Amino acid sequence: MADQKVLIGVIGGSELYHLDNLTFMYCTLIAFLARYGTGHTITPSHVPACANIAALNSIGVHAIIAFSTVSSLHEEICPGDFTLPSQIIDCTKGIRPSTYFNGSIIVHAMFGDPFSGKFVVWLEERTIVCMEGLQFSMMTESVMYRLLGGDLINMSVLPRARLAREAELSYTLIATATDYNSWCPASSVTATKVFKTLKATADTLCLAAATVFGDLYKAISGAFILLFVCRAVCSSLSLLSTLLNFSFPTCHS
């Protein structure tokens, strides 16, 4: 495996601190990063997201799968359910560095679809709200998030998704619902409920992770080969153009 490229990066947190108990159907290298550090010592607002995404990008990762615990904002998303959201509502407070282009170079990256559907086909029409934390939501805030169209809420999906887009990396979130946040007084969120649900769903999470990794690896490996071939063809055309002293015409739509 010495010559094998690391194409997939995994960002774990409260629900996933290692990949030791996963069995993969494909022999592949995977880069793993625990966003809150060993022992869960970094707060969501202080995670070095810029450094984390840059590190994964620097070793050749093409796609990132992040795992996260979330609160459910709707009855049909029960504690223990897994979902892959397709949209984000940003309710952070602007204190997290969220771009690599804050110096002399200004780049406006498209972010209409924050999660990549190119390699992962299981994206659902769900919207996740990202709040600051560390405290859980007040009941009035939780009700507001529901009115805004939120289905889930967590503290960590941003700025990672934005930074991954700027780094041109595919990014997908696998969310595990642990509670009903604060909009449901009969079942409001507590740290005890969160960890109880995580313990109960650990085996299922590992199974879901292994399935996603297998399909993602097949898809991204094919895309990487195609990209390599395209680059090789372009290099050959460029060399041929130089040898013939011929400029290819520019196409206009």
C-alpha atoms as a PDB file:
ATOM      1  CA  MET A   1       0.000   0.000   0.000  1.00  0.00           C
ATOM      2  CA  ALA A   2       3.097   2.218  -0.087  1.00  0.00           C
ATOM      3  CA  ASP A   3       2.162   3.771  -3.427  1.00  0.00           C
ATOM      4  CA  GLN A   4      -1.553   4.041  -2.703  1.00  0.00           C
ATOM      5  CA  LYS A   5      -3.018   7.519  -2.524  1.00  0.00           C
ATOM      6  CA  VAL A   6      -5.096   8.762   0.391  1.00  0.00           C
ATOM      7  CA  LEU A   7      -8.261   9.841  -1.404  1.00  0.00           C
ATOM      8  CA  ILE A   8     -10.730   9.872   1.513  1.00  0.00           C
ATOM      9  CA  GLY A   9     -10.576  11.935   4.689  1.00  0.00           C
ATOM     10  CA  VAL A  10     -12.749  11.287   7.740  1.00  0.00           C
ATOM     11  CA  ILE A  11     -13.557  13.886  10.395  1.00  0.00           C
ATOM     12  CA  GLY A  12     -14.929  12.380  13.587  1.00  0.00           C
ATOM     13  CA  GLY A  13     -16.017  13.862  16.863  1.00  0.00           C
ATOM     14  CA  SER A  14     -18.279  12.967  19.773  1.00  0.00           C
ATOM     15  CA  GLU A  15     -19.618   9.912  17.970  1.00  0.00           C
ATOM     16  CA  LEU A  16     -16.470   8.620  16.263  1.00  0.00           C
ATOM     17  CA  TYR A  17     -12.947   8.876  17.657  1.00  0.00           C
ATOM     18  CA  HIS A  18     -11.282   6.084  15.674  1.00  0.00           C
ATOM     19  CA  LEU A  19     -11.875   3.623  12.851  1.00  0.00           C
ATOM     20  CA  ASP A  20     -10.443   0.558  14.599  1.00  0.00           C
ATOM     21  CA  ASN A  21     -13.749  -1.320  14.654  1.00  0.00           C
ATOM     22  CA  LEU A  22     -14.577  -0.796  10.978  1.00  0.00           C
ATOM     23  CA  THR A  23     -14.134  -3.527   8.381  1.00  0.00           C
ATOM     24  CA  PHE A  24     -13.636  -2.300   4.817  1.00  0.00           C
ATOM     25  CA  MET A  25     -14.373  -4.256   1.676  1.00  0.00           C
ATOM     26  CA  TYR A  26     -11.691  -2.329  -0.179  1.00  0.00           C
ATOM     27  CA  CYS A  27      -8.035  -2.096   0.753  1.00  0.00           C
ATOM     28  CA  THR A  28      -7.565   1.652   0.928  1.00  0.00           C
ATOM     29  CA  LEU A  29      -5.841   4.296   2.984  1.00  0.00           C
ATOM     30  CA  ILE A  30      -8.108   6.689   4.890  1.00  0.00           C
ATOM     31  CA  ALA A  31      -6.972   9.816   6.730  1.00  0.00           C
ATOM     32  CA  PHE A  32      -8.740  10.221  10.088  1.00  0.00           C
ATOM     33  CA  LEU A  33      -8.975  13.429  12.096  1.00  0.00           C
ATOM     34  CA  ALA A  34     -10.698  13.923  15.473  1.00  0.00           C
ATOM     35  CA  ARG A  35     -11.918  17.511  15.302  1.00  0.00           C
ATOM     36  CA  TYR A  36     -12.209  18.018  19.072  1.00  0.00           C
ATOM     37  CA  GLY A  37      -8.804  16.489  19.800  1.00  0.00           C
ATOM     38  CA  THR A  38      -7.937  13.532  21.985  1.00  0.00           C
ATOM     39  CA  GLY A  39     -10.171  13.567  25.022  1.00  0.00           C
ATOM     40  CA  HIS A  40     -12.628  16.073  23.509  1.00  0.00           C
ATOM     41  CA  THR A  41     -10.687  19.135  24.684  1.00  0.00           C
ATOM     42  CA  ILE A  42     -11.438  21.664  21.905  1.00  0.00           C
ATOM     43  CA  THR A  43     -14.721  23.571  21.756  1.00  0.00           C
ATOM     44  CA  PRO A  44     -16.672  23.803  18.450  1.00  0.00           C
ATOM     45  CA  SER A  45     -15.881  27.519  18.214  1.00  0.00           C
ATOM     46  CA  HIS A  46     -12.124  26.904  18.542  1.00  0.00           C
ATOM     47  CA  VAL A  47     -11.607  23.887  16.286  1.00  0.00           C
ATOM     48  CA  PRO A  48      -8.724  24.785  13.899  1.00  0.00           C
ATOM     49  CA  ALA A  49     -10.872  24.072  10.850  1.00  0.00           C
ATOM     50  CA  CYS A  50      -8.619  25.942   8.415  1.00  0.00           C
ATOM     51  CA  ALA A  51      -5.622  23.858   9.443  1.00  0.00           C
ATOM     52  CA  ASN A  52      -7.626  20.619   9.431  1.00  0.00           C
ATOM     53  CA  ILE A  53      -8.970  21.035   5.888  1.00  0.00           C
ATOM     54  CA  ALA A  54      -5.580  22.255   4.637  1.00  0.00           C
ATOM     55  CA  ALA A  55      -3.887  19.209   6.170  1.00  0.00           C
ATOM     56  CA  LEU A  56      -6.266  16.788   4.440  1.00  0.00           C
ATOM     57  CA  ASN A  57      -5.855  18.655   1.168  1.00  0.00           C
ATOM     58  CA  SER A  58      -2.056  18.572   1.454  1.00  0.00           C
ATOM     59  CA  ILE A  59      -1.903  14.757   1.561  1.00  0.00           C
ATOM     60  CA  GLY A  60      -4.058  14.385  -1.555  1.00  0.00           C
ATOM     61  CA  VAL A  61      -7.524  13.803  -0.094  1.00  0.00           C
ATOM     62  CA  HIS A  62     -10.299  14.366  -2.657  1.00  0.00           C
ATOM     63  CA  ALA A  63     -13.400  13.752  -0.533  1.00  0.00           C
ATOM     64  CA  ILE A  64     -14.221  14.283   3.134  1.00  0.00           C
ATOM     65  CA  ILE A  65     -16.864  12.481   5.152  1.00  0.00           C
ATOM     66  CA  ALA A  66     -17.650  14.133   8.467  1.00  0.00           C
ATOM     67  CA  PHE A  67     -19.593  12.480  11.287  1.00  0.00           C
ATOM     68  CA  SER A  68     -21.580  14.581  13.708  1.00  0.00           C
ATOM     69  CA  THR A  69     -24.157  14.314  16.442  1.00  0.00           C
ATOM     70  CA  VAL A  70     -27.181  16.536  15.861  1.00  0.00           C
ATOM     71  CA  SER A  71     -30.426  17.494  17.534  1.00  0.00           C
ATOM     72  CA  SER A  72     -33.648  16.816  15.671  1.00  0.00           C
ATOM     73  CA  LEU A  73     -36.051  19.686  15.001  1.00  0.00           C
ATOM     74  CA  HIS A  74     -38.870  17.420  13.788  1.00  0.00           C
ATOM     75  CA  GLU A  75     -40.773  14.475  15.206  1.00  0.00           C
ATOM     76  CA  GLU A  76     -40.072  12.194  12.232  1.00  0.00           C
ATOM     77  CA  ILE A  77     -36.315  12.367  12.813  1.00  0.00           C
ATOM     78  CA  CYS A  78     -36.002  10.234  15.925  1.00  0.00           C
ATOM     79  CA  PRO A  79     -33.023   9.860  18.263  1.00  0.00           C
ATOM     80  CA  GLY A  80     -30.790   7.201  16.751  1.00  0.00           C
ATOM     81  CA  ASP A  81     -31.691   8.060  13.149  1.00  0.00           C
ATOM     82  CA  PHE A  82     -28.988   8.788  10.573  1.00  0.00           C
ATOM     83  CA  THR A  83     -29.383  11.419   7.882  1.00  0.00           C
ATOM     84  CA  LEU A  84     -27.267  13.154   5.230  1.00  0.00           C
ATOM     85  CA  PRO A  85     -28.443  16.788   4.945  1.00  0.00           C
ATOM     86  CA  SER A  86     -28.207  18.778   1.733  1.00  0.00           C
ATOM     87  CA  GLN A  87     -28.465  22.381   2.995  1.00  0.00           C
ATOM     88  CA  ILE A  88     -27.171  24.546   5.857  1.00  0.00           C
ATOM     89  CA  ILE A  89     -28.460  27.581   7.754  1.00  0.00           C
ATOM     90  CA  ASP A  90     -25.597  29.546   9.311  1.00  0.00           C
ATOM     91  CA  CYS A  91     -26.461  30.772  12.810  1.00  0.00           C
ATOM     92  CA  THR A  92     -22.894  31.073  14.065  1.00  0.00           C
ATOM     93  CA  LYS A  93     -21.704  34.461  15.327  1.00  0.00           C
ATOM     94  CA  GLY A  94     -18.898  35.228  12.895  1.00  0.00           C
ATOM     95  CA  ILE A  95     -16.075  34.433  15.307  1.00  0.00           C
ATOM     96  CA  ARG A  96     -14.831  31.372  13.404  1.00  0.00           C
ATOM     97  CA  PRO A  97     -12.353  31.873  10.531  1.00  0.00           C
ATOM     98  CA  SER A  98     -14.368  30.763   7.513  1.00  0.00           C
ATOM     99  CA  THR A  99     -12.229  31.481   4.447  1.00  0.00           C
ATOM    100  CA  TYR A 100      -8.709  31.020   3.132  1.00  0.00           C
ATOM    101  CA  PHE A 101      -9.036  34.175   1.014  1.00  0.00           C
ATOM    102  CA  ASN A 102      -8.865  36.959   3.579  1.00  0.00           C
ATOM    103  CA  GLY A 103      -5.609  38.537   2.391  1.00  0.00           C
ATOM    104  CA  SER A 104      -4.530  40.008  -0.927  1.00  0.00           C
ATOM    105  CA  ILE A 105      -6.475  37.462  -3.028  1.00  0.00           C
ATOM    106  CA  ILE A 106     -10.287  37.587  -3.056  1.00  0.00           C
ATOM    107  CA  VAL A 107     -12.206  34.546  -4.323  1.00  0.00           C
ATOM    108  CA  HIS A 108     -15.980  34.091  -4.345  1.00  0.00           C
ATOM    109  CA  ALA A 109     -16.713  30.356  -4.210  1.00  0.00           C
ATOM    110  CA  MET A 110     -20.093  28.942  -5.236  1.00  0.00           C
ATOM    111  CA  PHE A 111     -21.866  27.477  -2.201  1.00  0.00           C
ATOM    112  CA  GLY A 112     -25.455  26.990  -3.312  1.00  0.00           C
ATOM    113  CA  ASP A 113     -25.164  23.263  -2.660  1.00  0.00           C
ATOM    114  CA  PRO A 114     -22.863  22.975   0.366  1.00  0.00           C
ATOM    115  CA  PHE A 115     -22.678  19.171   0.370  1.00  0.00           C
ATOM    116  CA  SER A 116     -21.315  17.170  -2.509  1.00  0.00           C
ATOM    117  CA  GLY A 117     -23.716  14.901  -4.359  1.00  0.00           C
ATOM    118  CA  LYS A 118     -21.058  13.984  -6.909  1.00  0.00           C
ATOM    119  CA  PHE A 119     -19.714  10.961  -5.071  1.00  0.00           C
ATOM    120  CA  VAL A 120     -22.404  10.406  -2.420  1.00  0.00           C
ATOM    121  CA  VAL A 121     -25.916   9.735  -3.706  1.00  0.00           C
ATOM    122  CA  TRP A 122     -27.710   9.479  -0.378  1.00  0.00           C
ATOM    123  CA  LEU A 123     -28.174  13.212   0.263  1.00  0.00           C
ATOM    124  CA  GLU A 124     -31.639  13.992   1.644  1.00  0.00           C
ATOM    125  CA  GLU A 125     -33.722  17.142   1.420  1.00  0.00           C
ATOM    126  CA  ARG A 126     -32.831  18.057   4.968  1.00  0.00           C
ATOM    127  CA  THR A 127     -31.481  21.355   6.284  1.00  0.00           C
ATOM    128  CA  ILE A 128     -29.047  21.531   9.179  1.00  0.00           C
ATOM    129  CA  VAL A 129     -28.668  24.636  11.330  1.00  0.00           C
ATOM    130  CA  CYS A 130     -25.196  25.436  12.673  1.00  0.00           C
ATOM    131  CA  MET A 131     -25.182  27.310  15.989  1.00  0.00           C
ATOM    132  CA  GLU A 132     -22.283  28.575  18.088  1.00  0.00           C
ATOM    133  CA  GLY A 133     -22.584  26.707  21.405  1.00  0.00           C
ATOM    134  CA  LEU A 134     -21.334  25.578  23.849  1.00  0.00           C
ATOM    135  CA  GLN A 135     -24.736  25.880  25.497  1.00  0.00           C
ATOM    136  CA  PHE A 136     -27.666  24.039  23.964  1.00  0.00           C
ATOM    137  CA  SER A 137     -30.458  26.114  22.413  1.00  0.00           C
ATOM    138  CA  MET A 138     -33.060  28.052  24.356  1.00  0.00           C
ATOM    139  CA  MET A 139     -36.619  26.927  23.662  1.00  0.00           C
ATOM    140  CA  THR A 140     -37.421  30.130  21.758  1.00  0.00           C
ATOM    141  CA  GLU A 141     -34.322  29.665  19.591  1.00  0.00           C
ATOM    142  CA  SER A 142     -35.240  26.056  18.895  1.00  0.00           C
ATOM    143  CA  VAL A 143     -38.732  27.098  17.793  1.00  0.00           C
ATOM    144  CA  MET A 144     -37.205  29.806  15.573  1.00  0.00           C
ATOM    145  CA  TYR A 145     -34.923  27.285  13.872  1.00  0.00           C
ATOM    146  CA  ARG A 146     -37.977  25.165  13.052  1.00  0.00           C
ATOM    147  CA  LEU A 147     -39.733  28.202  11.557  1.00  0.00           C
ATOM    148  CA  LEU A 148     -36.642  28.930   9.437  1.00  0.00           C
ATOM    149  CA  GLY A 149     -36.931  25.484   7.875  1.00  0.00           C
ATOM    150  CA  GLY A 150     -34.298  23.669   9.903  1.00  0.00           C
ATOM    151  CA  ASP A 151     -34.546  19.903  10.325  1.00  0.00           C
ATOM    152  CA  LEU A 152     -31.379  19.342  12.342  1.00  0.00           C
ATOM    153  CA  ILE A 153     -28.988  21.430  14.403  1.00  0.00           C
ATOM    154  CA  ASN A 154     -25.355  21.076  15.455  1.00  0.00           C
ATOM    155  CA  MET A 155     -22.322  23.185  16.340  1.00  0.00           C
ATOM    156  CA  SER A 156     -19.664  22.018  13.894  1.00  0.00           C
ATOM    157  CA  VAL A 157     -20.724  21.762  10.251  1.00  0.00           C
ATOM    158  CA  LEU A 158     -19.448  25.294   9.628  1.00  0.00           C
ATOM    159  CA  PRO A 159     -16.958  26.549   8.692  1.00  0.00           C
ATOM    160  CA  ARG A 160     -15.697  23.109   7.578  1.00  0.00           C
ATOM    161  CA  ALA A 161     -18.123  22.860   4.657  1.00  0.00           C
ATOM    162  CA  ARG A 162     -17.180  26.344   3.418  1.00  0.00           C
ATOM    163  CA  LEU A 163     -13.443  25.683   3.701  1.00  0.00           C
ATOM    164  CA  ALA A 164     -13.738  22.327   1.931  1.00  0.00           C
ATOM    165  CA  ARG A 165     -15.490  24.073  -0.966  1.00  0.00           C
ATOM    166  CA  GLU A 166     -12.709  26.661  -1.213  1.00  0.00           C
ATOM    167  CA  ALA A 167     -10.152  23.834  -1.197  1.00  0.00           C
ATOM    168  CA  GLU A 168     -12.181  22.095  -3.959  1.00  0.00           C
ATOM    169  CA  LEU A 169     -12.793  19.008  -1.828  1.00  0.00           C
ATOM    170  CA  SER A 170     -16.058  17.048  -1.856  1.00  0.00           C
ATOM    171  CA  TYR A 171     -17.682  17.233   1.571  1.00  0.00           C
ATOM    172  CA  THR A 172     -20.492  15.139   3.043  1.00  0.00           C
ATOM    173  CA  LEU A 173     -21.955  15.000   6.550  1.00  0.00           C
ATOM    174  CA  ILE A 174     -23.395  11.868   8.180  1.00  0.00           C
ATOM    175  CA  ALA A 175     -25.515  13.127  11.066  1.00  0.00           C
ATOM    176  CA  THR A 176     -26.709  11.065  14.028  1.00  0.00           C
ATOM    177  CA  ALA A 177     -29.774  12.463  15.787  1.00  0.00           C
ATOM    178  CA  THR A 178     -29.469  12.152  19.555  1.00  0.00           C
ATOM    179  CA  ASP A 179     -32.372  14.224  20.925  1.00  0.00           C
ATOM    180  CA  TYR A 180     -35.189  16.667  20.125  1.00  0.00           C
ATOM    181  CA  ASN A 181     -33.315  19.853  21.063  1.00  0.00           C
ATOM    182  CA  SER A 182     -35.388  22.288  23.188  1.00  0.00           C
ATOM    183  CA  TRP A 183     -38.545  22.784  21.125  1.00  0.00           C
ATOM    184  CA  CYS A 184     -40.055  19.649  22.664  1.00  0.00           C
ATOM    185  CA  PRO A 185     -40.292  20.229  26.460  1.00  0.00           C
ATOM    186  CA  ALA A 186     -41.170  16.572  27.080  1.00  0.00           C
ATOM    187  CA  SER A 187     -37.896  15.423  25.529  1.00  0.00           C
ATOM    188  CA  SER A 188     -35.433  18.320  25.682  1.00  0.00           C
ATOM    189  CA  VAL A 189     -31.722  17.828  25.110  1.00  0.00           C
ATOM    190  CA  THR A 190     -29.270  16.898  27.874  1.00  0.00           C
ATOM    191  CA  ALA A 191     -25.681  15.685  27.684  1.00  0.00           C
ATOM    192  CA  THR A 192     -26.772  12.400  29.300  1.00  0.00           C
ATOM    193  CA  LYS A 193     -29.324  11.743  26.550  1.00  0.00           C
ATOM    194  CA  VAL A 194     -26.786  12.526  23.849  1.00  0.00           C
ATOM    195  CA  PHE A 195     -24.188  10.037  25.073  1.00  0.00           C
ATOM    196  CA  LYS A 196     -26.799   7.390  25.869  1.00  0.00           C
ATOM    197  CA  THR A 197     -28.021   7.521  22.265  1.00  0.00           C
ATOM    198  CA  LEU A 198     -24.466   7.441  20.922  1.00  0.00           C
ATOM    199  CA  LYS A 199     -23.680   4.311  22.905  1.00  0.00           C
ATOM    200  CA  ALA A 200     -26.840   2.602  21.680  1.00  0.00           C
ATOM    201  CA  THR A 201     -26.172   3.423  18.009  1.00  0.00           C
ATOM    202  CA  ALA A 202     -22.401   2.827  17.890  1.00  0.00           C
ATOM    203  CA  ASP A 203     -22.564  -0.494  15.998  1.00  0.00           C
ATOM    204  CA  THR A 204     -25.105   0.824  13.490  1.00  0.00           C
ATOM    205  CA  LEU A 205     -22.972   3.914  12.889  1.00  0.00           C
ATOM    206  CA  CYS A 206     -19.954   1.753  12.102  1.00  0.00           C
ATOM    207  CA  LEU A 207     -21.990  -0.308   9.643  1.00  0.00           C
ATOM    208  CA  ALA A 208     -23.274   2.845   7.934  1.00  0.00           C
ATOM    209  CA  ALA A 209     -19.754   4.267   7.795  1.00  0.00           C
ATOM    210  CA  ALA A 210     -18.300   1.130   6.204  1.00  0.00           C
ATOM    211  CA  THR A 211     -21.065   1.116   3.565  1.00  0.00           C
ATOM    212  CA  VAL A 212     -20.562   4.773   2.671  1.00  0.00           C
ATOM    213  CA  PHE A 213     -16.778   4.385   2.538  1.00  0.00           C
ATOM    214  CA  GLY A 214     -17.019   1.411   0.179  1.00  0.00           C
ATOM    215  CA  ASP A 215     -19.301   3.157  -2.305  1.00  0.00           C
ATOM    216  CA  LEU A 216     -17.394   6.429  -2.030  1.00  0.00           C
ATOM    217  CA  TYR A 217     -14.074   4.723  -2.674  1.00  0.00           C
ATOM    218  CA  LYS A 218     -15.377   3.071  -5.850  1.00  0.00           C
ATOM    219  CA  ALA A 219     -16.805   6.363  -7.118  1.00  0.00           C
ATOM    220  CA  ILE A 220     -13.849   8.554  -6.273  1.00  0.00           C
ATOM    221  CA  SER A 221     -11.286   6.047  -7.545  1.00  0.00           C
ATOM    222  CA  GLY A 222     -12.999   6.027 -10.944  1.00  0.00           C
ATOM    223  CA  ALA A 223     -13.152   9.817 -10.989  1.00  0.00           C
ATOM    224  CA  PHE A 224      -9.482  10.064 -10.029  1.00  0.00           C
ATOM    225  CA  ILE A 225      -8.488   7.740 -12.881  1.00  0.00           C
ATOM    226  CA  LEU A 226     -10.619   9.774 -15.294  1.00  0.00           C
ATOM    227  CA  LEU A 227      -9.021  12.996 -14.048  1.00  0.00           C
ATOM    228  CA  PHE A 228      -5.571  11.495 -14.531  1.00  0.00           C
ATOM    229  CA  VAL A 229      -6.413  10.426 -18.084  1.00  0.00           C
ATOM    230  CA  CYS A 230      -7.847  13.862 -18.920  1.00  0.00           C
ATOM    231  CA  ARG A 231      -4.736  15.576 -17.583  1.00  0.00           C
ATOM    232  CA  ALA A 232      -2.536  13.201 -19.564  1.00  0.00           C
ATOM    233  CA  VAL A 233      -4.498  13.933 -22.764  1.00  0.00           C
ATOM    234  CA  CYS A 234      -4.321  17.679 -22.147  1.00  0.00           C
ATOM    235  CA  SER A 235      -0.564  17.428 -21.536  1.00  0.00           C
ATOM    236  CA  SER A 236      -0.149  15.479 -24.782  1.00  0.00           C
ATOM    237  CA  LEU A 237      -2.157  18.055 -26.733  1.00  0.00           C
ATOM    238  CA  SER A 238      -0.125  20.858 -25.203  1.00  0.00           C
ATOM    239  CA  LEU A 239       3.112  19.113 -26.177  1.00  0.00           C
ATOM    240  CA  LEU A 240       1.813  18.459 -29.704  1.00  0.00           C
ATOM    241  CA  SER A 241       0.792  22.097 -30.029  1.00  0.00           C
ATOM    242  CA  THR A 242       4.285  23.195 -29.043  1.00  0.00           C
ATOM    243  CA  LEU A 243       5.958  20.807 -31.462  1.00  0.00           C
ATOM    244  CA  LEU A 244       3.770  21.925 -34.369  1.00  0.00           C
ATOM    245  CA  ASN A 245       3.915  25.581 -33.320  1.00  0.00           C
ATOM    246  CA  PHE A 246       0.158  25.602 -33.591  1.00  0.00           C
ATOM    247  CA  SER A 247      -2.350  27.335 -31.355  1.00  0.00           C
ATOM    248  CA  PHE A 248      -5.650  25.545 -30.785  1.00  0.00           C
ATOM    249  CA  PRO A 249      -8.661  27.863 -31.316  1.00  0.00           C
ATOM    250  CA  THR A 250     -10.600  29.042 -28.294  1.00  0.00           C
ATOM    251  CA  CYS A 251     -14.169  27.746 -28.136  1.00  0.00           C
ATOM    252  CA  HIS A 252     -16.967  30.157 -27.338  1.00  0.00           C
ATOM    253  CA  SER A 253     -20.482  29.129 -26.373  1.00  0.00           C
END
